[in-house]
């Protein structure tokens, strides 16, 4: 017999994911290319869009996940979410 099912609140899960992404954006920097060492949330939209158009897309792993997150935020015009993050 198993215990009671754990209820997962979708809103709480989304808040947690957003908080995790923003915390990681404070740490992650672009490790290669033209924008090497820049914080991911400061990358130009056009550069991120270039990855979308590439056949292999964003890099794999957490770096690619964060780049894709930043891309979608910028594409939706919601960049104010990055206001509390440092620029350098």
Protein backbone atom coordinates (compact mmCIF):
# COMPACT_ATOMS: atom_id res chain seq x y z
CA UNK A 1 0.00 0.00 0.00
CA UNK A 2 1.40 3.37 -0.94
CA UNK A 3 1.11 6.64 0.96
CA UNK A 4 -1.09 9.57 0.00
CA UNK A 5 -0.38 11.09 -3.39
CA UNK A 6 1.75 14.21 -3.25
CA UNK A 7 -0.09 17.21 -4.66
CA UNK A 8 2.11 19.41 -6.82
CA UNK A 9 0.85 22.94 -7.21
CA UNK A 10 1.65 24.02 -10.81
CA UNK A 11 1.95 27.68 -9.80
CA UNK A 12 4.47 26.83 -7.09
CA UNK A 13 6.43 24.65 -9.51
CA UNK A 14 6.57 27.52 -12.02
CA UNK A 15 7.70 29.97 -9.32
CA UNK A 16 10.42 27.57 -8.25
CA UNK A 17 11.60 27.08 -11.83
CA UNK A 18 11.64 30.84 -12.45
CA UNK A 19 13.60 31.42 -9.23
CA UNK A 20 16.10 28.70 -10.20
CA UNK A 21 16.54 30.18 -13.67
CA UNK A 22 17.09 33.70 -12.33
CA UNK A 23 19.55 32.44 -9.71
CA UNK A 24 21.53 30.58 -12.38
CA UNK A 25 21.49 33.63 -14.66
CA UNK A 26 23.35 35.50 -11.92
CA UNK A 27 26.15 32.95 -12.25
CA UNK A 28 26.28 31.73 -15.86
CA UNK A 29 28.32 33.56 -18.46
CA UNK A 30 28.71 32.89 -22.15
CA UNK A 31 31.66 30.48 -22.38
CA UNK A 32 32.50 30.97 -26.08
CA UNK A 33 32.18 33.13 -29.15
CA UNK A 34 31.69 36.81 -29.77
CA UNK A 35 30.02 37.41 -26.41
CA UNK A 36 32.36 35.29 -24.30
CA UNK A 37 32.18 36.20 -20.57
CA UNK A 38 28.90 38.20 -20.89
CA UNK A 39 26.01 37.29 -18.62
CA UNK A 40 23.43 35.32 -20.57
CA UNK A 41 20.57 37.74 -19.94
CA UNK A 42 22.59 40.52 -21.63
CA UNK A 43 23.02 38.63 -24.90
CA UNK A 44 21.33 40.37 -27.84
CA UNK A 45 18.05 38.91 -29.02
CA UNK A 46 19.43 38.61 -32.57
CA UNK A 47 22.31 36.46 -31.35
CA UNK A 48 19.96 34.15 -29.44
CA UNK A 49 17.66 33.97 -32.45
CA UNK A 50 20.62 32.82 -34.55
CA UNK A 51 20.77 29.69 -32.37
CA UNK A 52 17.07 29.08 -33.03
CA UNK A 53 17.70 29.17 -36.77
CA UNK A 54 20.71 26.85 -36.59
CA UNK A 55 20.05 23.21 -37.36
CA UNK A 56 21.41 22.02 -33.99
CA UNK A 57 19.90 24.91 -31.96
CA UNK A 58 21.03 25.94 -28.50
CA UNK A 59 23.92 24.18 -26.77
CA UNK A 60 23.05 21.14 -24.69
CA UNK A 61 22.75 21.15 -20.93
CA UNK A 62 21.97 23.93 -18.50
CA UNK A 63 23.69 26.56 -20.67
CA UNK A 64 21.32 25.86 -23.56
CA UNK A 65 18.29 25.76 -21.25
CA UNK A 66 19.14 29.18 -19.87
CA UNK A 67 19.87 30.64 -23.31
CA UNK A 68 16.52 29.37 -24.55
CA UNK A 69 14.80 30.81 -21.46
CA UNK A 70 16.40 34.22 -22.09
CA UNK A 71 15.44 34.01 -25.77
CA UNK A 72 11.77 33.38 -24.99
CA UNK A 73 11.67 36.14 -22.36
CA UNK A 74 13.18 38.62 -24.83
CA UNK A 75 10.91 37.42 -27.67
CA UNK A 76 7.84 38.07 -25.51
CA UNK A 77 9.03 41.55 -24.53
CA UNK A 78 9.26 40.64 -20.85
CA UNK A 79 12.88 41.67 -20.27
CA UNK A 80 11.94 43.62 -17.14
CA UNK A 81 12.19 40.27 -15.36
CA UNK A 82 15.98 40.70 -15.62
CA UNK A 83 16.00 44.17 -14.00
CA UNK A 84 17.36 42.90 -10.69
CA UNK A 85 20.21 41.00 -12.33
CA UNK A 86 23.55 42.73 -12.76
CA UNK A 87 24.57 43.97 -16.20
CA UNK A 88 28.22 42.89 -16.14
